[in-house]
Amino acid sequence: MSPGWVRDGWLTETKWSPKDFMLHGWKISLSLDNFMFPFMEKFDLTKCHHGDATFPNFKYIPTLVSTEEEINEILLKKTLFVHAKYNNLLKYLNITCRDGTRRVNGLCDT
């Protein structure tokens, strides 16, 4: 992953790795089917203090921590799935030929 990578947590079923830079979309109000609140407790704003390096609110669920390799594998599978759906849609809309090539003047070579 790039050092500046930011992604929605639901893409990996709320799993994350220590190598993740930033995760987006961790709001219960926006929860999707694959989202699970990643912290053991709700945040207590009285525990938030500038400069507190202990981060007392960030007690995360340990089973949601994965390796970078596992996260990359999940993202690769999602990418391949979406790519296949996209290619099938192009064929369905007659934008590409059955073999995946682009139509030339609206026609396929085969």
C-alpha atoms as a PDB file:
ATOM      1  CA  MET A   1       0.000   0.000   0.000  1.00  0.00           C
ATOM      2  CA  SER A   2       1.035   3.550  -0.614  1.00  0.00           C
ATOM      3  CA  PRO A   3       1.967   5.532   2.527  1.00  0.00           C
ATOM      4  CA  GLY A   4      -0.959   7.873   1.845  1.00  0.00           C
ATOM      5  CA  TRP A   5      -3.610   5.181   1.281  1.00  0.00           C
ATOM      6  CA  VAL A   6      -7.033   5.886   2.780  1.00  0.00           C
ATOM      7  CA  ARG A   7      -9.912   3.461   2.364  1.00  0.00           C
ATOM      8  CA  ASP A   8     -13.329   2.666   3.769  1.00  0.00           C
ATOM      9  CA  GLY A   9     -13.216   0.051   6.503  1.00  0.00           C
ATOM     10  CA  TRP A  10     -16.179  -1.887   5.098  1.00  0.00           C
ATOM     11  CA  LEU A  11     -14.065  -2.918   2.101  1.00  0.00           C
ATOM     12  CA  THR A  12     -12.178  -5.322   4.351  1.00  0.00           C
ATOM     13  CA  GLU A  13     -15.081  -6.198   6.666  1.00  0.00           C
ATOM     14  CA  THR A  14     -13.679  -3.761   9.266  1.00  0.00           C
ATOM     15  CA  LYS A  15     -10.368  -5.643   9.368  1.00  0.00           C
ATOM     16  CA  TRP A  16      -7.231  -3.507   9.357  1.00  0.00           C
ATOM     17  CA  SER A  17      -3.491  -3.931   9.719  1.00  0.00           C
ATOM     18  CA  PRO A  18      -0.941  -1.927  11.687  1.00  0.00           C
ATOM     19  CA  LYS A  19       0.411  -0.832   8.272  1.00  0.00           C
ATOM     20  CA  ASP A  20      -2.843   0.964   7.392  1.00  0.00           C
ATOM     21  CA  PHE A  21      -2.391   4.722   7.257  1.00  0.00           C
ATOM     22  CA  MET A  22      -5.986   5.831   7.701  1.00  0.00           C
ATOM     23  CA  LEU A  23      -9.420   4.259   7.562  1.00  0.00           C
ATOM     24  CA  HIS A  24     -12.589   6.097   6.641  1.00  0.00           C
ATOM     25  CA  GLY A  25     -16.269   5.432   7.188  1.00  0.00           C
ATOM     26  CA  TRP A  26     -16.169   4.037  10.727  1.00  0.00           C
ATOM     27  CA  LYS A  27     -19.505   5.522  11.713  1.00  0.00           C
ATOM     28  CA  ILE A  28     -22.273   3.381  13.085  1.00  0.00           C
ATOM     29  CA  SER A  29     -24.823   5.610  11.359  1.00  0.00           C
ATOM     30  CA  LEU A  30     -23.266   4.757   7.980  1.00  0.00           C
ATOM     31  CA  SER A  31     -22.795   1.070   8.688  1.00  0.00           C
ATOM     32  CA  LEU A  32     -23.058  -1.330   5.782  1.00  0.00           C
ATOM     33  CA  ASP A  33     -23.548  -5.084   5.906  1.00  0.00           C
ATOM     34  CA  ASN A  34     -19.815  -5.718   6.281  1.00  0.00           C
ATOM     35  CA  PHE A  35     -19.188  -3.146   9.002  1.00  0.00           C
ATOM     36  CA  MET A  36     -18.625  -3.910  12.663  1.00  0.00           C
ATOM     37  CA  PHE A  37     -17.837  -1.209  15.222  1.00  0.00           C
ATOM     38  CA  PRO A  38     -14.082  -1.853  15.700  1.00  0.00           C
ATOM     39  CA  PHE A  39     -13.753  -0.629  19.270  1.00  0.00           C
ATOM     40  CA  MET A  40     -14.594  -2.455  22.484  1.00  0.00           C
ATOM     41  CA  GLU A  41     -16.369   0.548  23.982  1.00  0.00           C
ATOM     42  CA  LYS A  42     -18.051   3.716  22.793  1.00  0.00           C
ATOM     43  CA  PHE A  43     -15.862   6.804  23.048  1.00  0.00           C
ATOM     44  CA  ASP A  44     -15.856   8.701  26.329  1.00  0.00           C
ATOM     45  CA  LEU A  45     -15.148  12.325  25.431  1.00  0.00           C
ATOM     46  CA  THR A  46     -14.052  13.057  29.006  1.00  0.00           C
ATOM     47  CA  LYS A  47     -11.024  10.837  28.310  1.00  0.00           C
ATOM     48  CA  CYS A  48      -9.938  12.949  25.316  1.00  0.00           C
ATOM     49  CA  HIS A  49      -7.105  15.288  26.174  1.00  0.00           C
ATOM     50  CA  HIS A  50      -4.669  17.070  23.881  1.00  0.00           C
ATOM     51  CA  GLY A  51      -1.266  15.426  24.007  1.00  0.00           C
ATOM     52  CA  ASP A  52      -2.426  12.207  25.715  1.00  0.00           C
ATOM     53  CA  ALA A  53      -0.360   9.504  24.007  1.00  0.00           C
ATOM     54  CA  THR A  54      -2.209   6.640  25.737  1.00  0.00           C
ATOM     55  CA  PHE A  55      -5.321   7.024  23.552  1.00  0.00           C
ATOM     56  CA  PRO A  56      -7.678   5.576  26.206  1.00  0.00           C
ATOM     57  CA  ASN A  57     -10.660   5.579  23.836  1.00  0.00           C
ATOM     58  CA  PHE A  58      -8.997   3.425  21.194  1.00  0.00           C
ATOM     59  CA  LYS A  59      -9.413  -0.034  22.722  1.00  0.00           C
ATOM     60  CA  TYR A  60      -9.950  -1.978  19.517  1.00  0.00           C
ATOM     61  CA  ILE A  61     -11.252  -5.508  19.044  1.00  0.00           C
ATOM     62  CA  PRO A  62      -8.092  -7.622  18.582  1.00  0.00           C
ATOM     63  CA  THR A  63      -9.694 -10.095  16.147  1.00  0.00           C
ATOM     64  CA  LEU A  64     -10.144  -7.263  13.626  1.00  0.00           C
ATOM     65  CA  VAL A  65      -6.381  -6.719  13.367  1.00  0.00           C
ATOM     66  CA  SER A  66      -4.955  -8.566  10.362  1.00  0.00           C
ATOM     67  CA  THR A  67      -1.661  -8.782   8.545  1.00  0.00           C
ATOM     68  CA  GLU A  68      -0.883  -6.476   5.653  1.00  0.00           C
ATOM     69  CA  GLU A  69      -0.859  -9.542   3.393  1.00  0.00           C
ATOM     70  CA  GLU A  70      -4.381 -10.570   4.453  1.00  0.00           C
ATOM     71  CA  ILE A  71      -5.700  -7.039   3.886  1.00  0.00           C
ATOM     72  CA  ASN A  72      -4.061  -6.902   0.450  1.00  0.00           C
ATOM     73  CA  GLU A  73      -5.588 -10.296  -0.424  1.00  0.00           C
ATOM     74  CA  ILE A  74      -9.080  -9.127   0.586  1.00  0.00           C
ATOM     75  CA  LEU A  75      -8.665  -5.945  -1.481  1.00  0.00           C
ATOM     76  CA  LEU A  76      -7.344  -7.914  -4.476  1.00  0.00           C
ATOM     77  CA  LYS A  77     -10.352 -10.260  -4.386  1.00  0.00           C
ATOM     78  CA  LYS A  78     -12.726  -7.273  -4.245  1.00  0.00           C
ATOM     79  CA  THR A  79     -10.878  -5.618  -7.148  1.00  0.00           C
ATOM     80  CA  LEU A  80     -11.046  -8.752  -9.310  1.00  0.00           C
ATOM     81  CA  PHE A  81     -14.743  -9.212  -8.486  1.00  0.00           C
ATOM     82  CA  VAL A  82     -15.603  -5.631  -9.478  1.00  0.00           C
ATOM     83  CA  HIS A  83     -13.448  -5.888 -12.625  1.00  0.00           C
ATOM     84  CA  ALA A  84     -15.285  -9.056 -13.700  1.00  0.00           C
ATOM     85  CA  LYS A  85     -18.684  -7.429 -13.063  1.00  0.00           C
ATOM     86  CA  TYR A  86     -17.586  -4.393 -15.087  1.00  0.00           C
ATOM     87  CA  ASN A  87     -16.463  -6.536 -18.035  1.00  0.00           C
ATOM     88  CA  ASN A  88     -19.721  -8.507 -17.944  1.00  0.00           C
ATOM     89  CA  LEU A  89     -21.676  -5.247 -17.979  1.00  0.00           C
ATOM     90  CA  LEU A  90     -19.719  -4.043 -21.023  1.00  0.00           C
ATOM     91  CA  LYS A  91     -20.613  -7.278 -22.826  1.00  0.00           C
ATOM     92  CA  TYR A  92     -24.263  -7.034 -21.739  1.00  0.00           C
ATOM     93  CA  LEU A  93     -24.453  -3.475 -23.084  1.00  0.00           C
ATOM     94  CA  ASN A  94     -22.791  -4.638 -26.335  1.00  0.00           C
ATOM     95  CA  ILE A  95     -19.858  -2.308 -25.784  1.00  0.00           C
ATOM     96  CA  THR A  96     -17.380  -5.173 -26.040  1.00  0.00           C
ATOM     97  CA  CYS A  97     -17.437  -8.445 -27.935  1.00  0.00           C
ATOM     98  CA  ARG A  98     -17.825 -11.838 -26.256  1.00  0.00           C
ATOM     99  CA  ASP A  99     -14.046 -12.308 -26.300  1.00  0.00           C
ATOM    100  CA  GLY A 100     -13.575  -8.991 -24.460  1.00  0.00           C
ATOM    101  CA  THR A 101     -12.273  -6.971 -27.422  1.00  0.00           C
ATOM    102  CA  ARG A 102     -13.763  -3.588 -28.300  1.00  0.00           C
ATOM    103  CA  ARG A 103     -16.238  -3.322 -31.116  1.00  0.00           C
ATOM    104  CA  VAL A 104     -15.004  -1.584 -34.279  1.00  0.00           C
ATOM    105  CA  ASN A 105     -17.713   0.458 -35.996  1.00  0.00           C
ATOM    106  CA  GLY A 106     -20.228  -1.403 -33.844  1.00  0.00           C
ATOM    107  CA  LEU A 107     -19.080  -4.823 -35.068  1.00  0.00           C
ATOM    108  CA  CYS A 108     -17.036  -7.705 -33.684  1.00  0.00           C
ATOM    109  CA  ASP A 109     -14.342  -9.418 -35.765  1.00  0.00           C
ATOM    110  CA  THR A 110     -15.605 -12.880 -34.885  1.00  0.00           C
END
